[in-house]
Structures are given as C-alpha cells and as structure tokens.
C-alpha atoms as a PDB file:
ATOM      1  CA  MET A   1      -0.148  -0.198   0.173  1.00  0.00           C
ATOM      2  CA  THR A   2       1.562   3.535  -1.008  1.00  0.00           C
ATOM      3  CA  SER A   3       0.104   6.763   0.994  1.00  0.00           C
ATOM      4  CA  THR A   4      -0.515   9.665  -1.408  1.00  0.00           C
ATOM      5  CA  VAL A   5       1.485  13.342  -0.741  1.00  0.00           C
ATOM      6  CA  GLN A   6      -0.972  15.310   0.562  1.00  0.00           C
ATOM      7  CA  PRO A   7       0.036  19.356  -1.828  1.00  0.00           C
ATOM      8  CA  THR A   8       0.959  22.198   0.813  1.00  0.00           C
ATOM      9  CA  LEU A   9      -1.855  25.159   0.434  1.00  0.00           C
ATOM     10  CA  ASP A  10      -0.346  27.007  -1.413  1.00  0.00           C
ATOM     11  CA  GLY A  11      -0.803  23.748  -4.480  1.00  0.00           C
ATOM     12  CA  ASN A  12       3.247  22.571  -4.341  1.00  0.00           C
ATOM     13  CA  VAL A  13       3.642  18.642  -3.057  1.00  0.00           C
ATOM     14  CA  PRO A  14       6.690  18.806  -0.649  1.00  0.00           C
ATOM     15  CA  PRO A  15       9.990  16.767  -1.964  1.00  0.00           C
ATOM     16  CA  GLU A  16       9.560  12.793  -0.728  1.00  0.00           C
ATOM     17  CA  PRO A  17      12.334  12.493   2.173  1.00  0.00           C
ATOM     18  CA  VAL A  18      15.587  10.756   1.975  1.00  0.00           C
ATOM     19  CA  ASP A  19      17.393   8.541   4.033  1.00  0.00           C
ATOM     20  CA  TYR A  20      18.436  10.017   7.071  1.00  0.00           C
ATOM     21  CA  GLU A  21      22.328   9.696   6.442  1.00  0.00           C
ATOM     22  CA  THR A  22      21.051  12.271   3.648  1.00  0.00           C
ATOM     23  CA  TRP A  23      20.159  13.787   5.663  1.00  0.00           C
ATOM     24  CA  LEU A  24      22.086  13.876   8.586  1.00  0.00           C
ATOM     25  CA  ALA A  25      24.657  15.061   6.109  1.00  0.00           C
ATOM     26  CA  ALA A  26      23.369  18.483   4.789  1.00  0.00           C
ATOM     27  CA  VAL A  27      21.435  19.682   8.043  1.00  0.00           C
ATOM     28  CA  TRP A  28      24.946  18.977  10.479  1.00  0.00           C
ATOM     29  CA  PRO A  29      26.393  21.614   9.281  1.00  0.00           C
ATOM     30  CA  VAL A  30      24.292  24.393   9.572  1.00  0.00           C
ATOM     31  CA  PHE A  31      23.887  23.806  13.025  1.00  0.00           C
ATOM     32  CA  ILE A  32      27.595  23.325  14.050  1.00  0.00           C
ATOM     33  CA  ALA A  33      28.363  26.692  12.269  1.00  0.00           C
ATOM     34  CA  ALA A  34      24.612  28.298  13.890  1.00  0.00           C
ATOM     35  CA  ALA A  35      27.023  26.535  17.687  1.00  0.00           C
ATOM     36  CA  ALA A  36      29.948  28.181  16.437  1.00  0.00           C
ATOM     37  CA  THR A  37      28.428  31.209  16.885  1.00  0.00           C
ATOM     38  CA  GLY A  38      27.501  30.925  20.342  1.00  0.00           C
ATOM     39  CA  LYS A  39      24.028  32.459  20.818  1.00  0.00           C
ATOM     40  CA  THR A  40      21.159  30.465  22.571  1.00  0.00           C
ATOM     41  CA  PHE A  41      19.128  29.451  19.668  1.00  0.00           C
ATOM     42  CA  THR A  42      16.101  26.309  19.460  1.00  0.00           C
ATOM     43  CA  CYS A  43      16.270  23.824  17.021  1.00  0.00           C
ATOM     44  CA  TYR A  44      13.542  24.664  14.297  1.00  0.00           C
ATOM     45  CA  SER A  45      15.046  28.247  14.819  1.00  0.00           C
ATOM     46  CA  VAL A  46      18.494  27.052  13.035  1.00  0.00           C
ATOM     47  CA  ALA A  47      16.102  25.113  10.513  1.00  0.00           C
ATOM     48  CA  ASP A  48      14.104  27.713  10.432  1.00  0.00           C
ATOM     49  CA  ALA A  49      16.195  30.213   9.177  1.00  0.00           C
ATOM     50  CA  ASN A  50      18.486  27.702   6.849  1.00  0.00           C
ATOM     51  CA  LYS A  51      15.330  26.765   4.646  1.00  0.00           C
ATOM     52  CA  LEU A  52      16.305  23.216   5.996  1.00  0.00           C
ATOM     53  CA  PRO A  53      14.296  20.056   5.417  1.00  0.00           C
ATOM     54  CA  ASN A  54      12.525  17.801   7.613  1.00  0.00           C
ATOM     55  CA  PRO A  55      14.143  14.404   7.848  1.00  0.00           C
ATOM     56  CA  PRO A  56      12.275  11.148   7.152  1.00  0.00           C
ATOM     57  CA  ASN A  57      10.171  11.252  10.040  1.00  0.00           C
ATOM     58  CA  PRO A  58      10.783  14.647  12.041  1.00  0.00           C
ATOM     59  CA  GLN A  59       8.962  13.719  15.179  1.00  0.00           C
ATOM     60  CA  ALA A  60      11.757  11.935  15.697  1.00  0.00           C
ATOM     61  CA  HIS A  61      15.482  12.896  13.648  1.00  0.00           C
ATOM     62  CA  TRP A  62      14.682  16.208  14.411  1.00  0.00           C
ATOM     63  CA  GLY A  63      15.180  15.491  17.882  1.00  0.00           C
ATOM     64  CA  ARG A  64      17.853  12.417  17.418  1.00  0.00           C
ATOM     65  CA  LEU A  65      19.588  15.122  16.183  1.00  0.00           C
ATOM     66  CA  ILE A  66      20.063  17.866  19.194  1.00  0.00           C
ATOM     67  CA  THR A  67      21.172  14.592  21.136  1.00  0.00           C
ATOM     68  CA  LEU A  68      24.080  13.771  18.484  1.00  0.00           C
ATOM     69  CA  LEU A  69      25.208  17.494  18.589  1.00  0.00           C
ATOM     70  CA  ARG A  70      25.168  17.377  22.685  1.00  0.00           C
ATOM     71  CA  ASP A  71      27.203  13.928  23.025  1.00  0.00           C
ATOM     72  CA  GLU A  72      29.922  14.641  20.161  1.00  0.00           C
ATOM     73  CA  GLY A  73      30.300  17.732  22.803  1.00  0.00           C
ATOM     74  CA  TYR A  74      28.703  20.622  19.937  1.00  0.00           C
ATOM     75  CA  ILE A  75      26.420  21.683  22.031  1.00  0.00           C
ATOM     76  CA  ARG A  76      24.934  22.477  26.128  1.00  0.00           C
ATOM     77  CA  THR A  77      21.608  23.685  27.871  1.00  0.00           C
ATOM     78  CA  ALA A  78      21.109  26.659  27.900  1.00  0.00           C
ATOM     79  CA  GLY A  79      17.309  27.094  30.260  1.00  0.00           C
ATOM     80  CA  TRP A  80      14.213  27.048  28.145  1.00  0.00           C
ATOM     81  CA  ALA A  81      12.229  29.520  26.051  1.00  0.00           C
ATOM     82  CA  CYS A  82       9.181  29.464  24.401  1.00  0.00           C
ATOM     83  CA  SER A  83       9.379  28.336  21.049  1.00  0.00           C
ATOM     84  CA  ASP A  84       8.717  30.188  18.075  1.00  0.00           C
ATOM     85  CA  ARG A  85       6.386  27.063  15.776  1.00  0.00           C
ATOM     86  CA  PRO A  86       3.796  28.410  14.491  1.00  0.00           C
ATOM     87  CA  THR A  87       1.480  24.637  15.561  1.00  0.00           C
ATOM     88  CA  THR A  88       2.973  24.455  19.220  1.00  0.00           C
ATOM     89  CA  HIS A  89       1.642  27.079  20.417  1.00  0.00           C
ATOM     90  CA  HIS A  90       4.533  28.542  22.263  1.00  0.00           C
ATOM     91  CA  SER A  91       5.436  25.300  24.027  1.00  0.00           C
ATOM     92  CA  GLY A  92       8.112  24.881  26.390  1.00  0.00           C
ATOM     93  CA  VAL A  93      11.417  24.230  23.846  1.00  0.00           C
ATOM     94  CA  ARG A  94      14.530  23.552  25.359  1.00  0.00           C
ATOM     95  CA  THR A  95      17.624  26.440  23.658  1.00  0.00           C
ATOM     96  CA  TRP A  96      20.793  25.035  23.077  1.00  0.00           C
ATOM     97  CA  LYS A  97      24.793  26.700  23.725  1.00  0.00           C
ATOM     98  CA  GLY A  98      27.700  25.640  21.314  1.00  0.00           C
ATOM     99  CA  THR A  99      30.364  25.101  22.727  1.00  0.00           C
ATOM    100  CA  ALA A 100      34.019  25.485  21.879  1.00  0.00           C
ATOM    101  CA  ALA A 101      34.152  22.554  20.473  1.00  0.00           C
ATOM    102  CA  ALA A 102      32.099  23.603  17.439  1.00  0.00           C
ATOM    103  CA  ARG A 103      34.119  26.468  17.240  1.00  0.00           C
ATOM    104  CA  ARG A 104      36.779  24.425  16.378  1.00  0.00           C
ATOM    105  CA  GLU A 105      35.171  22.365  14.520  1.00  0.00           C
ATOM    106  CA  ALA A 106      33.374  25.442  12.194  1.00  0.00           C
ATOM    107  CA  SER A 107      36.444  26.932  12.018  1.00  0.00           C
ATOM    108  CA  ALA A 108      38.396  22.910  10.707  1.00  0.00           C
END
C-alpha cells in the first residue's frame, strides 16, 4: 500500500524525504555553524532560518540530531524558551548553546 502526499496550501507537493544519513549530512554543518556562533538557539530557529528540509521522520529525527550534537560535545543545554514554531502554541522548548568544540570544528 502506498500513501499519497498531500500538497501544501500553496499547491506545491513537498519532495520525498531522503534517507536519514543523507539528511543528517546536509543539516549537520548548518547546526555546527549555528553552535559556533556562541548564541543561544532552538532546533526550530536554526532549521527555519536556514530553510532546512524535514527529515524522513520529523517527530523523531530532529530530536535525534540534537542528541547527537550534544553527545558529540558540540552543544550544551542553555535553558528553556517558548517555541516560535507556529504549530506548537508557544509550548516550552529546550534552548542550546555551542561549545568550544563547535567553534574548533567550524574553523577547521
């Protein structure tokens, strides 16, 4: 059984999601660059500002990306904020801040 893709409100059909590894390779450098700035950010703010594509499974993969960045030492928790994602109704969301490792990686 194949599922159909619903067009967006402007009539465009979103592209098929790529596999996780390809998506991760595309978005990883953008998040490293955001972390290297030393500014506090949310996952959505970086994705939205850079018009990043959604992963194959958005409900799980965005969080997995952030967990990988944290586990690799590129980001640390900075606190909480109200989400600016339009669909979240300003719910609480974790904020992140880059580490020295992210600055070294970005300059390499």
